[in-house]
Amino acid sequence: MGHSTNYLYEAVRQDTRYRMLPVAGRPEAHILADIAHDYWQIPRSRLVVEDQSTNCGENARFTRTTLENGGILHRRGIVIQDPTMQRRTMATFARVWQGVTTPPQWLSFPGCSPVLEQTDGQLRFAGGGAGLWPVTRYLGLLLGELPRLQDTPEGYGPRGKTSSATSPSRRRSSMPGDSCGEDGQLAGALQARTLG
């Protein structure tokens, strides 16, 4: 169970398509596998489920272990992740397969690409945001990624926590988070996601 598992439970309960799926106490991977099979007709035999990880780094490592222990030869895989974490996740998968003679090709597909718009001083998702995180949760996740995307001791690049093969953000420019203190809603979301 990860830090977003309860949010997934609630999203499934609220979705008119998926609300009949059991969620309580189940790993995210099992819920998503049920959706892939029951609603998208992907045969269970084609789904590889890694259900022990609780974070991005574990997911990449445990995925490799699951594939290798199952004798599953693969040339290509699809990484579907929350859009706020997609770049970091891809870099983490690349690191886990570093040094492999023929590493798999990981294809990057965020589940969606939400667009924020400001209306009457409030941030909202364009198109209503059905099925998306609440805006405050989305902002917290997004702003929490900013320091992680840097190749610094606090980030996940080679000079940092080393979860990634390379820093997903190769250059240090003025990051959007640098000026978030000027906006009350953004400052609160950023403060809640500061790395410790």
C-alpha atoms as a PDB file:
ATOM      1  CA  MET A   1       0.000   0.000   0.000  1.00  0.00           C
ATOM      2  CA  GLY A   2       1.420   3.334  -1.028  1.00  0.00           C
ATOM      3  CA  HIS A   3       0.770   6.940  -0.091  1.00  0.00           C
ATOM      4  CA  SER A   4      -1.925   7.252  -2.774  1.00  0.00           C
ATOM      5  CA  THR A   5      -3.760   3.960  -2.253  1.00  0.00           C
ATOM      6  CA  ASN A   6      -6.684   5.494  -0.373  1.00  0.00           C
ATOM      7  CA  TYR A   7      -7.074   8.071  -3.141  1.00  0.00           C
ATOM      8  CA  LEU A   8      -7.318   5.244  -5.675  1.00  0.00           C
ATOM      9  CA  TYR A   9      -9.930   3.504  -3.524  1.00  0.00           C
ATOM     10  CA  GLU A  10     -12.018   6.659  -3.454  1.00  0.00           C
ATOM     11  CA  ALA A  11     -11.602   7.322  -7.181  1.00  0.00           C
ATOM     12  CA  VAL A  12     -12.790   3.791  -8.011  1.00  0.00           C
ATOM     13  CA  ARG A  13     -15.754   4.094  -5.622  1.00  0.00           C
ATOM     14  CA  GLN A  14     -16.777   7.364  -7.279  1.00  0.00           C
ATOM     15  CA  ASP A  15     -16.381   6.193 -10.880  1.00  0.00           C
ATOM     16  CA  THR A  16     -19.634   5.006 -12.438  1.00  0.00           C
ATOM     17  CA  ARG A  17     -17.769   2.414 -14.510  1.00  0.00           C
ATOM     18  CA  TYR A  18     -15.647   0.852 -11.800  1.00  0.00           C
ATOM     19  CA  ARG A  19     -17.537   1.349  -8.547  1.00  0.00           C
ATOM     20  CA  MET A  20     -18.560  -2.336  -8.394  1.00  0.00           C
ATOM     21  CA  LEU A  21     -14.932  -3.444  -8.043  1.00  0.00           C
ATOM     22  CA  PRO A  22     -13.812  -4.427  -4.539  1.00  0.00           C
ATOM     23  CA  VAL A  23     -11.109  -2.069  -3.295  1.00  0.00           C
ATOM     24  CA  ALA A  24     -10.811  -2.168   0.509  1.00  0.00           C
ATOM     25  CA  GLY A  25      -7.486  -3.572   1.622  1.00  0.00           C
ATOM     26  CA  ARG A  26      -6.403  -4.508  -1.899  1.00  0.00           C
ATOM     27  CA  PRO A  27      -3.112  -3.491  -3.520  1.00  0.00           C
ATOM     28  CA  GLU A  28      -3.385  -0.880  -6.262  1.00  0.00           C
ATOM     29  CA  ALA A  29      -1.940  -3.334  -8.792  1.00  0.00           C
ATOM     30  CA  HIS A  30      -4.813  -5.786  -8.285  1.00  0.00           C
ATOM     31  CA  ILE A  31      -7.432  -3.072  -8.735  1.00  0.00           C
ATOM     32  CA  LEU A  32      -5.781  -1.825 -11.921  1.00  0.00           C
ATOM     33  CA  ALA A  33      -5.425  -5.388 -13.207  1.00  0.00           C
ATOM     34  CA  ASP A  34      -9.161  -5.906 -12.621  1.00  0.00           C
ATOM     35  CA  ILE A  35      -9.917  -2.754 -14.612  1.00  0.00           C
ATOM     36  CA  ALA A  36      -7.599  -3.853 -17.437  1.00  0.00           C
ATOM     37  CA  HIS A  37      -9.208  -7.296 -17.590  1.00  0.00           C
ATOM     38  CA  ASP A  38     -12.860  -6.605 -16.776  1.00  0.00           C
ATOM     39  CA  TYR A  39     -13.288  -3.342 -18.659  1.00  0.00           C
ATOM     40  CA  TRP A  40     -10.583  -3.341 -21.332  1.00  0.00           C
ATOM     41  CA  GLN A  41     -10.635  -7.087 -22.118  1.00  0.00           C
ATOM     42  CA  ILE A  42      -6.913  -7.585 -21.611  1.00  0.00           C
ATOM     43  CA  PRO A  43      -6.431 -11.295 -20.893  1.00  0.00           C
ATOM     44  CA  ARG A  44      -5.161 -12.004 -17.374  1.00  0.00           C
ATOM     45  CA  SER A  45      -2.425 -14.109 -18.957  1.00  0.00           C
ATOM     46  CA  ARG A  46      -1.034 -10.897 -20.515  1.00  0.00           C
ATOM     47  CA  LEU A  47      -0.999  -8.956 -17.225  1.00  0.00           C
ATOM     48  CA  VAL A  48       2.036  -9.050 -14.954  1.00  0.00           C
ATOM     49  CA  VAL A  49       1.128  -7.779 -11.504  1.00  0.00           C
ATOM     50  CA  GLU A  50       3.737  -6.549  -9.037  1.00  0.00           C
ATOM     51  CA  ASP A  51       1.847  -5.963  -5.799  1.00  0.00           C
ATOM     52  CA  GLN A  52       4.486  -5.539  -3.084  1.00  0.00           C
ATOM     53  CA  SER A  53       5.914  -2.072  -3.772  1.00  0.00           C
ATOM     54  CA  THR A  54       4.945   1.017  -1.808  1.00  0.00           C
ATOM     55  CA  ASN A  55       6.880   3.619  -3.808  1.00  0.00           C
ATOM     56  CA  CYS A  56       8.347   4.358  -7.227  1.00  0.00           C
ATOM     57  CA  GLY A  57      11.806   2.929  -6.538  1.00  0.00           C
ATOM     58  CA  GLU A  58      10.419  -0.313  -5.141  1.00  0.00           C
ATOM     59  CA  ASN A  59       8.017  -0.617  -8.044  1.00  0.00           C
ATOM     60  CA  ALA A  60      10.858  -0.587 -10.571  1.00  0.00           C
ATOM     61  CA  ARG A  61      13.058  -2.983  -8.555  1.00  0.00           C
ATOM     62  CA  PHE A  62      10.229  -5.368  -7.704  1.00  0.00           C
ATOM     63  CA  THR A  63       8.994  -5.329 -11.301  1.00  0.00           C
ATOM     64  CA  ARG A  64      12.397  -6.503 -12.479  1.00  0.00           C
ATOM     65  CA  THR A  65      12.439  -9.217  -9.812  1.00  0.00           C
ATOM     66  CA  THR A  66       8.889 -10.313 -10.701  1.00  0.00           C
ATOM     67  CA  LEU A  67       9.750 -10.586 -14.391  1.00  0.00           C
ATOM     68  CA  GLU A  68      13.036 -12.404 -13.804  1.00  0.00           C
ATOM     69  CA  ASN A  69      11.595 -14.808 -11.203  1.00  0.00           C
ATOM     70  CA  GLY A  70       8.715 -15.601 -13.550  1.00  0.00           C
ATOM     71  CA  GLY A  71      11.084 -16.264 -16.443  1.00  0.00           C
ATOM     72  CA  ILE A  72       9.257 -13.596 -18.420  1.00  0.00           C
ATOM     73  CA  LEU A  73      11.336 -12.448 -21.362  1.00  0.00           C
ATOM     74  CA  HIS A  74      10.329  -9.016 -22.515  1.00  0.00           C
ATOM     75  CA  ARG A  75      11.591  -6.502 -24.993  1.00  0.00           C
ATOM     76  CA  ARG A  76       9.082  -3.789 -24.315  1.00  0.00           C
ATOM     77  CA  GLY A  77       6.823  -2.646 -21.509  1.00  0.00           C
ATOM     78  CA  ILE A  78       4.411   0.177 -20.849  1.00  0.00           C
ATOM     79  CA  VAL A  79       4.774   2.318 -17.745  1.00  0.00           C
ATOM     80  CA  ILE A  80       1.486   3.966 -16.825  1.00  0.00           C
ATOM     81  CA  GLN A  81       1.769   6.337 -13.909  1.00  0.00           C
ATOM     82  CA  ASP A  82       0.191   9.398 -12.405  1.00  0.00           C
ATOM     83  CA  PRO A  83       1.245  12.250 -14.722  1.00  0.00           C
ATOM     84  CA  THR A  84       2.963  14.063 -11.861  1.00  0.00           C
ATOM     85  CA  MET A  85       5.361  11.139 -11.373  1.00  0.00           C
ATOM     86  CA  GLN A  86       5.790   9.855 -14.924  1.00  0.00           C
ATOM     87  CA  ARG A  87       9.225  11.340 -15.666  1.00  0.00           C
ATOM     88  CA  ARG A  88      10.708  10.217 -12.359  1.00  0.00           C
ATOM     89  CA  THR A  89       9.233   6.753 -12.770  1.00  0.00           C
ATOM     90  CA  MET A  90      10.714   6.375 -16.251  1.00  0.00           C
ATOM     91  CA  ALA A  91      14.148   7.449 -14.981  1.00  0.00           C
ATOM     92  CA  THR A  92      13.844   4.978 -12.107  1.00  0.00           C
ATOM     93  CA  PHE A  93      12.978   2.087 -14.430  1.00  0.00           C
ATOM     94  CA  ALA A  94      15.983   3.032 -16.601  1.00  0.00           C
ATOM     95  CA  ARG A  95      18.258   2.920 -13.540  1.00  0.00           C
ATOM     96  CA  VAL A  96      16.992  -0.474 -12.390  1.00  0.00           C
ATOM     97  CA  TRP A  97      17.833  -1.963 -15.804  1.00  0.00           C
ATOM     98  CA  GLN A  98      21.215  -0.175 -16.085  1.00  0.00           C
ATOM     99  CA  GLY A  99      23.970  -2.573 -17.000  1.00  0.00           C
ATOM    100  CA  VAL A 100      21.644  -5.103 -18.626  1.00  0.00           C
ATOM    101  CA  THR A 101      23.000  -6.106 -22.037  1.00  0.00           C
ATOM    102  CA  THR A 102      19.634  -5.689 -23.733  1.00  0.00           C
ATOM    103  CA  PRO A 103      17.358  -3.711 -21.425  1.00  0.00           C
ATOM    104  CA  PRO A 104      13.657  -3.561 -22.204  1.00  0.00           C
ATOM    105  CA  GLN A 105      12.275  -0.543 -23.980  1.00  0.00           C
ATOM    106  CA  TRP A 106       9.960   1.186 -21.507  1.00  0.00           C
ATOM    107  CA  LEU A 107       7.189   3.170 -23.171  1.00  0.00           C
ATOM    108  CA  SER A 108       5.901   6.146 -21.219  1.00  0.00           C
ATOM    109  CA  PHE A 109       2.162   6.693 -20.985  1.00  0.00           C
ATOM    110  CA  PRO A 110       0.758   8.840 -18.197  1.00  0.00           C
ATOM    111  CA  GLY A 111      -2.829   7.902 -17.427  1.00  0.00           C
ATOM    112  CA  CYS A 112      -3.938  11.389 -18.436  1.00  0.00           C
ATOM    113  CA  SER A 113      -2.573  14.877 -19.003  1.00  0.00           C
ATOM    114  CA  PRO A 114      -4.698  17.245 -16.937  1.00  0.00           C
ATOM    115  CA  VAL A 115      -4.780  20.950 -17.694  1.00  0.00           C
ATOM    116  CA  LEU A 116      -5.258  23.518 -14.949  1.00  0.00           C
ATOM    117  CA  GLU A 117      -6.984  26.802 -15.593  1.00  0.00           C
ATOM    118  CA  GLN A 118      -7.642  29.753 -13.372  1.00  0.00           C
ATOM    119  CA  THR A 119     -11.183  31.070 -13.228  1.00  0.00           C
ATOM    120  CA  ASP A 120     -12.295  33.777 -10.824  1.00  0.00           C
ATOM    121  CA  GLY A 121      -9.072  33.386  -8.842  1.00  0.00           C
ATOM    122  CA  GLN A 122      -9.524  29.626  -8.399  1.00  0.00           C
ATOM    123  CA  LEU A 123      -7.550  26.831 -10.010  1.00  0.00           C
ATOM    124  CA  ARG A 124      -9.686  24.166 -11.658  1.00  0.00           C
ATOM    125  CA  PHE A 125      -9.197  21.379 -14.133  1.00  0.00           C
ATOM    126  CA  ALA A 126     -10.191  22.253 -17.681  1.00  0.00           C
ATOM    127  CA  GLY A 127     -13.155  20.154 -18.702  1.00  0.00           C
ATOM    128  CA  GLY A 128     -14.351  19.605 -15.147  1.00  0.00           C
ATOM    129  CA  GLY A 129     -11.713  17.136 -13.991  1.00  0.00           C
ATOM    130  CA  ALA A 130     -13.971  14.094 -13.610  1.00  0.00           C
ATOM    131  CA  GLY A 131     -11.928  11.172 -12.297  1.00  0.00           C
ATOM    132  CA  LEU A 132      -8.908  13.309 -11.381  1.00  0.00           C
ATOM    133  CA  TRP A 133      -7.371  14.034  -7.988  1.00  0.00           C
ATOM    134  CA  PRO A 134      -8.737  17.077  -6.187  1.00  0.00           C
ATOM    135  CA  VAL A 135      -6.790  20.123  -7.419  1.00  0.00           C
ATOM    136  CA  THR A 136      -5.030  20.527  -4.054  1.00  0.00           C
ATOM    137  CA  ARG A 137      -3.847  16.893  -4.141  1.00  0.00           C
ATOM    138  CA  TYR A 138      -2.682  17.256  -7.739  1.00  0.00           C
ATOM    139  CA  LEU A 139      -0.756  20.431  -6.886  1.00  0.00           C
ATOM    140  CA  GLY A 140       0.820  18.772  -3.861  1.00  0.00           C
ATOM    141  CA  LEU A 141       2.015  15.847  -5.976  1.00  0.00           C
ATOM    142  CA  LEU A 142       3.236  18.098  -8.771  1.00  0.00           C
ATOM    143  CA  LEU A 143       5.080  20.486  -6.488  1.00  0.00           C
ATOM    144  CA  GLY A 144       6.543  17.591  -4.530  1.00  0.00           C
ATOM    145  CA  GLU A 145       8.172  16.369  -7.727  1.00  0.00           C
ATOM    146  CA  LEU A 146      10.061  19.614  -8.367  1.00  0.00           C
ATOM    147  CA  PRO A 147      12.886  19.049  -5.866  1.00  0.00           C
ATOM    148  CA  ARG A 148      13.025  15.358  -6.782  1.00  0.00           C
ATOM    149  CA  LEU A 149      13.619  16.146 -10.453  1.00  0.00           C
ATOM    150  CA  GLN A 150      16.906  17.895  -9.703  1.00  0.00           C
ATOM    151  CA  ASP A 151      20.350  16.327  -9.619  1.00  0.00           C
ATOM    152  CA  THR A 152      21.027  17.550  -6.081  1.00  0.00           C
ATOM    153  CA  PRO A 153      21.535  15.730  -2.760  1.00  0.00           C
ATOM    154  CA  GLU A 154      17.782  16.084  -2.167  1.00  0.00           C
ATOM    155  CA  GLY A 155      16.834  14.947  -5.662  1.00  0.00           C
ATOM    156  CA  TYR A 156      16.857  11.618  -7.429  1.00  0.00           C
ATOM    157  CA  GLY A 157      19.630  12.241  -9.920  1.00  0.00           C
ATOM    158  CA  PRO A 158      23.079  10.608  -9.770  1.00  0.00           C
ATOM    159  CA  ARG A 159      24.238  13.096  -7.072  1.00  0.00           C
ATOM    160  CA  GLY A 160      21.165  12.471  -4.943  1.00  0.00           C
ATOM    161  CA  LYS A 161      19.116   9.585  -3.666  1.00  0.00           C
ATOM    162  CA  THR A 162      20.120   7.641  -6.805  1.00  0.00           C
ATOM    163  CA  SER A 163      16.727   6.242  -7.651  1.00  0.00           C
ATOM    164  CA  SER A 164      17.179   7.434 -11.224  1.00  0.00           C
ATOM    165  CA  ALA A 165      19.738   6.710 -13.903  1.00  0.00           C
ATOM    166  CA  THR A 166      19.778  10.368 -14.789  1.00  0.00           C
ATOM    167  CA  SER A 167      18.029  13.351 -13.365  1.00  0.00           C
ATOM    168  CA  PRO A 168      14.731  13.731 -15.241  1.00  0.00           C
ATOM    169  CA  SER A 169      15.394  17.483 -15.310  1.00  0.00           C
ATOM    170  CA  ARG A 170      18.935  17.901 -16.619  1.00  0.00           C
ATOM    171  CA  ARG A 171      19.218  21.622 -16.201  1.00  0.00           C
ATOM    172  CA  ARG A 172      18.657  23.829 -13.205  1.00  0.00           C
ATOM    173  CA  SER A 173      16.562  26.679 -14.335  1.00  0.00           C
ATOM    174  CA  SER A 174      14.056  28.731 -12.479  1.00  0.00           C
ATOM    175  CA  MET A 175      11.670  25.998 -11.426  1.00  0.00           C
ATOM    176  CA  PRO A 176       7.975  26.804 -11.084  1.00  0.00           C
ATOM    177  CA  GLY A 177       8.231  25.933  -7.387  1.00  0.00           C
ATOM    178  CA  ASP A 178      10.742  28.734  -6.842  1.00  0.00           C
ATOM    179  CA  SER A 179       7.996  31.361  -7.058  1.00  0.00           C
ATOM    180  CA  CYS A 180       5.121  29.424  -5.516  1.00  0.00           C
ATOM    181  CA  GLY A 181       5.375  31.375  -2.282  1.00  0.00           C
ATOM    182  CA  GLU A 182       3.679  34.240  -4.089  1.00  0.00           C
ATOM    183  CA  ASP A 183       0.417  32.298  -4.390  1.00  0.00           C
ATOM    184  CA  GLY A 184      -1.328  31.195  -1.195  1.00  0.00           C
ATOM    185  CA  GLN A 185      -2.860  28.011  -2.630  1.00  0.00           C
ATOM    186  CA  LEU A 186       0.405  26.949  -4.251  1.00  0.00           C
ATOM    187  CA  ALA A 187       2.559  27.900  -1.248  1.00  0.00           C
ATOM    188  CA  GLY A 188       0.465  25.687   1.025  1.00  0.00           C
ATOM    189  CA  ALA A 189       0.638  22.760  -1.378  1.00  0.00           C
ATOM    190  CA  LEU A 190       4.408  23.146  -1.765  1.00  0.00           C
ATOM    191  CA  GLN A 191       5.001  23.379   1.988  1.00  0.00           C
ATOM    192  CA  ALA A 192       3.047  20.163   2.495  1.00  0.00           C
ATOM    193  CA  ARG A 193       5.331  18.353   0.013  1.00  0.00           C
ATOM    194  CA  THR A 194       8.756  19.601   1.156  1.00  0.00           C
ATOM    195  CA  LEU A 195      11.315  16.808   1.186  1.00  0.00           C
ATOM    196  CA  GLY A 196      12.747  15.985   4.575  1.00  0.00           C
END
